[in-house]
Amino acid sequence: MTIPTALHALEDDPVDRDRAEAAVAELLSALGHDIAREHLSETPRRVVEGLLELTTPEPFAMTTFANDTGYDDLVVVRGIRFTSLCAHHLLPFRGEADVAYLPGDRLVGLSKLARVVDRFARGLQVQESLTTQIADELDSVLAPRGVGVVLRAEHLCMSIRGVRAAESITETTAFRGALLTDGGLRRRILDEGRRS
């Protein structure tokens, strides 16, 4: 099934844009804002398009290749930037992912590691779930000897409101296979990531 993007919806698009825009307009009005003002008149449309963009994954095929050379050490892609929406507050959290795998019979195109992060980040998320979803997808599709995912993110729901802990970083990890059982492999991912 093709997933519709925010700008190119399919005929079977389940999103009712008119209703969503009316809901945003009503929310702004209920908060005391005059949506007839010049700078707010198009805001409901822009909010809906922005939310659709942030919550609609882009489809892609996980390209894998035979591990003909028998490569048997870690493959690590660091600093994959992502933005997601906090499911509790609808405010962004953003940061970087370090994704690693210990190949088995298959290798994956490196850009696909970033695409997996982006795919699961596009949604209403909590960081813990996002971390495990990325790890589980790679473990399932690649059948590697191990997977490691480390996410470090600033949550705007915590830094610009509430406790206002600006620039605080939340780190979550998920390890599968050999990366779960081998402390040396885990440290290679964690220690290098914290230094960069």
Protein backbone atom coordinates (compact mmCIF):
# COMPACT_ATOMS: atom_id res chain seq x y z
CA MET A 1 0.00 0.00 0.00
CA THR A 2 1.29 3.45 -0.85
CA ILE A 3 1.31 5.90 2.03
CA PRO A 4 0.00 9.35 1.04
CA THR A 5 2.28 12.31 1.61
CA ALA A 6 0.98 15.59 2.98
CA LEU A 7 1.19 17.35 -0.37
CA HIS A 8 0.12 14.53 -2.70
CA ALA A 9 -2.84 12.79 -1.11
CA LEU A 10 -4.42 9.77 -2.71
CA GLU A 11 -8.14 9.46 -3.37
CA ASP A 12 -8.48 7.11 -0.40
CA ASP A 13 -6.77 9.60 1.90
CA PRO A 14 -8.38 9.15 5.35
CA VAL A 15 -7.54 12.73 6.33
CA ASP A 16 -10.45 15.18 6.38
CA ARG A 17 -8.50 18.39 5.76
CA ASP A 18 -11.54 20.67 5.94
CA ARG A 19 -12.51 19.26 9.32
CA ALA A 20 -8.90 19.41 10.57
CA GLU A 21 -8.53 23.05 9.48
CA ALA A 22 -11.85 23.93 11.14
CA ALA A 23 -10.65 22.23 14.34
CA VAL A 24 -7.41 24.26 14.35
CA ALA A 25 -9.37 27.46 13.71
CA GLU A 26 -11.73 26.60 16.56
CA LEU A 27 -8.82 25.85 18.91
CA LEU A 28 -7.15 29.18 18.13
CA SER A 29 -10.45 30.99 18.59
CA ALA A 30 -11.10 29.16 21.89
CA LEU A 31 -7.65 30.30 23.06
CA GLY A 32 -8.68 33.91 22.42
CA HIS A 33 -7.02 34.50 19.05
CA ASP A 34 -8.73 36.32 16.19
CA ILE A 35 -8.19 34.03 13.20
CA ALA A 36 -9.33 36.77 10.85
CA ARG A 37 -6.06 38.61 11.53
CA GLU A 38 -3.74 38.72 8.54
CA HIS A 39 -1.04 36.56 10.11
CA LEU A 40 -3.51 33.95 11.40
CA SER A 41 -5.95 33.63 8.49
CA GLU A 42 -3.93 30.86 6.78
CA THR A 43 -2.63 29.31 10.00
CA PRO A 44 -5.18 26.46 10.19
CA ARG A 45 -4.18 25.25 6.70
CA ARG A 46 -0.46 25.56 7.50
CA VAL A 47 -0.83 23.73 10.83
CA VAL A 48 -2.66 20.83 9.17
CA GLU A 49 -0.08 20.55 6.38
CA GLY A 50 2.77 20.71 8.92
CA LEU A 51 1.23 18.03 11.12
CA LEU A 52 0.62 15.78 8.12
CA GLU A 53 4.23 16.20 7.02
CA LEU A 54 5.52 15.34 10.49
CA THR A 55 3.23 12.34 10.95
CA THR A 56 3.18 10.69 7.51
CA PRO A 57 6.02 8.24 6.85
CA GLU A 58 7.52 8.20 3.38
CA PRO A 59 7.54 4.73 1.82
CA PHE A 60 10.82 3.14 0.77
CA ALA A 61 12.23 -0.28 0.03
CA MET A 62 14.90 -1.65 2.35
CA THR A 63 17.68 -2.39 -0.14
CA THR A 64 19.90 -5.22 1.05
CA PHE A 65 22.88 -6.96 -0.54
CA ALA A 66 24.53 -10.32 -0.05
CA ASN A 67 27.46 -10.12 2.37
CA ASP A 68 29.73 -11.79 -0.21
CA THR A 69 32.97 -10.70 1.47
CA GLY A 70 31.92 -12.01 4.87
CA TYR A 71 32.26 -8.61 6.58
CA ASP A 72 31.85 -9.36 10.28
CA ASP A 73 32.45 -6.14 12.21
CA LEU A 74 30.13 -3.32 13.21
CA VAL A 75 28.56 -1.00 10.65
CA VAL A 76 27.71 2.26 12.42
CA VAL A 77 26.03 5.39 11.05
CA ARG A 78 26.24 8.24 13.56
CA GLY A 79 24.53 11.58 13.81
CA ILE A 80 21.33 10.80 11.89
CA ARG A 81 19.24 13.87 12.61
CA PHE A 82 15.54 13.38 13.28
CA THR A 83 12.48 15.30 14.44
CA SER A 84 9.37 13.72 15.88
CA LEU A 85 6.25 14.87 17.72
CA CYS A 86 5.72 14.08 21.38
CA ALA A 87 2.53 12.04 21.67
CA HIS A 88 1.78 13.65 25.03
CA HIS A 89 2.06 17.35 24.09
CA LEU A 90 2.25 17.55 20.28
CA LEU A 91 5.51 19.45 20.62
CA PRO A 92 8.64 18.39 18.71
CA PHE A 93 11.53 16.45 20.06
CA ARG A 94 14.64 16.38 17.94
CA GLY A 95 18.09 15.00 18.08
CA GLU A 96 20.45 12.45 16.61
CA ALA A 97 20.41 8.70 16.20
CA ASP A 98 23.38 6.38 16.10
CA VAL A 99 22.41 3.15 14.37
CA ALA A 100 24.63 0.06 14.22
CA TYR A 101 24.36 -3.50 13.08
CA LEU A 102 26.58 -6.54 13.06
CA PRO A 103 26.02 -8.13 9.64
CA GLY A 104 24.94 -11.66 9.05
CA ASP A 105 24.25 -12.82 5.49
CA ARG A 106 22.97 -9.43 4.29
CA LEU A 107 24.23 -5.84 4.20
CA VAL A 108 21.95 -2.83 3.90
CA GLY A 109 22.38 0.32 1.84
CA LEU A 110 23.66 2.90 4.36
CA SER A 111 21.07 5.54 3.45
CA LYS A 112 18.38 3.05 4.45
CA LEU A 113 19.51 3.26 8.07
CA ALA A 114 18.66 6.97 8.02
CA ARG A 115 15.39 6.25 6.21
CA VAL A 116 14.33 3.78 8.92
CA VAL A 117 14.93 6.45 11.57
CA ASP A 118 12.92 8.99 9.55
CA ARG A 119 10.11 6.53 8.89
CA PHE A 120 9.44 5.84 12.55
CA ALA A 121 10.12 9.43 13.66
CA ARG A 122 7.23 10.62 11.49
CA GLY A 123 4.41 10.10 13.91
CA LEU A 124 3.15 10.86 17.37
CA GLN A 125 5.88 9.22 19.40
CA VAL A 126 7.60 8.74 22.70
CA GLN A 127 11.35 8.38 22.44
CA GLU A 128 11.47 4.98 24.12
CA SER A 129 9.07 3.48 21.55
CA LEU A 130 10.83 5.17 18.65
CA THR A 131 14.13 3.60 19.74
CA THR A 132 12.74 0.07 19.96
CA GLN A 133 10.78 0.38 16.69
CA ILE A 134 13.95 1.25 14.78
CA ALA A 135 15.88 -1.62 16.37
CA ASP A 136 13.08 -4.14 15.83
CA GLU A 137 12.65 -3.17 12.16
CA LEU A 138 16.36 -3.60 11.42
CA ASP A 139 16.50 -6.86 13.35
CA SER A 140 13.48 -8.20 11.48
CA VAL A 141 14.43 -7.12 7.95
CA LEU A 142 18.20 -7.74 8.05
CA ALA A 143 18.40 -10.73 10.39
CA PRO A 144 21.83 -9.46 11.52
CA ARG A 145 23.90 -10.91 14.34
CA GLY A 146 23.13 -7.77 16.33
CA VAL A 147 21.55 -4.30 16.26
CA GLY A 148 22.17 -1.20 18.34
CA VAL A 149 20.20 2.06 18.35
CA VAL A 150 21.01 5.10 20.48
CA LEU A 151 18.82 8.21 20.37
CA ARG A 152 19.76 11.51 21.99
CA ALA A 153 17.09 14.20 21.83
CA GLU A 154 15.91 17.48 23.27
CA HIS A 155 12.19 17.47 24.07
CA LEU A 156 10.58 20.86 23.61
CA CYS A 157 7.73 19.74 25.89
CA MET A 158 10.35 19.73 28.66
CA SER A 159 12.64 22.57 27.56
CA ILE A 160 10.21 25.35 26.58
CA ARG A 161 7.34 24.62 28.99
CA GLY A 162 6.80 22.96 32.34
CA VAL A 163 10.16 22.51 34.05
CA ARG A 164 11.89 24.54 31.27
CA ALA A 165 15.03 22.41 31.37
CA ALA A 166 16.55 24.00 28.28
CA GLU A 167 19.06 21.95 26.30
CA SER A 168 18.59 18.85 28.45
CA ILE A 169 19.15 15.67 26.45
CA THR A 170 17.32 12.37 26.85
CA GLU A 171 19.20 9.24 25.78
CA THR A 172 17.51 5.94 24.99
CA THR A 173 19.06 2.71 23.75
CA ALA A 174 17.94 -0.57 22.24
CA PHE A 175 20.24 -3.52 21.62
CA ARG A 176 19.49 -6.85 19.99
CA GLY A 177 21.49 -10.05 19.51
CA ALA A 178 25.25 -9.84 20.03
CA LEU A 179 25.05 -6.15 20.86
CA LEU A 180 22.80 -7.00 23.79
CA THR A 181 25.14 -9.65 25.18
CA ASP A 182 28.58 -8.24 24.30
CA GLY A 183 29.48 -5.27 26.52
CA GLY A 184 32.53 -4.43 24.40
CA LEU A 185 30.44 -3.97 21.26
CA ARG A 186 27.88 -1.87 23.16
CA ARG A 187 30.65 0.37 24.54
CA ARG A 188 31.99 0.97 21.02
CA ILE A 189 28.63 2.42 20.07
CA LEU A 190 27.91 4.29 23.30
CA ASP A 191 31.38 5.70 24.02
CA GLU A 192 32.10 6.92 20.50
CA GLY A 193 28.64 8.46 20.23
CA ARG A 194 29.05 10.42 23.45
CA ARG A 195 32.44 11.78 22.34
CA SER A 196 31.17 13.08 19.01
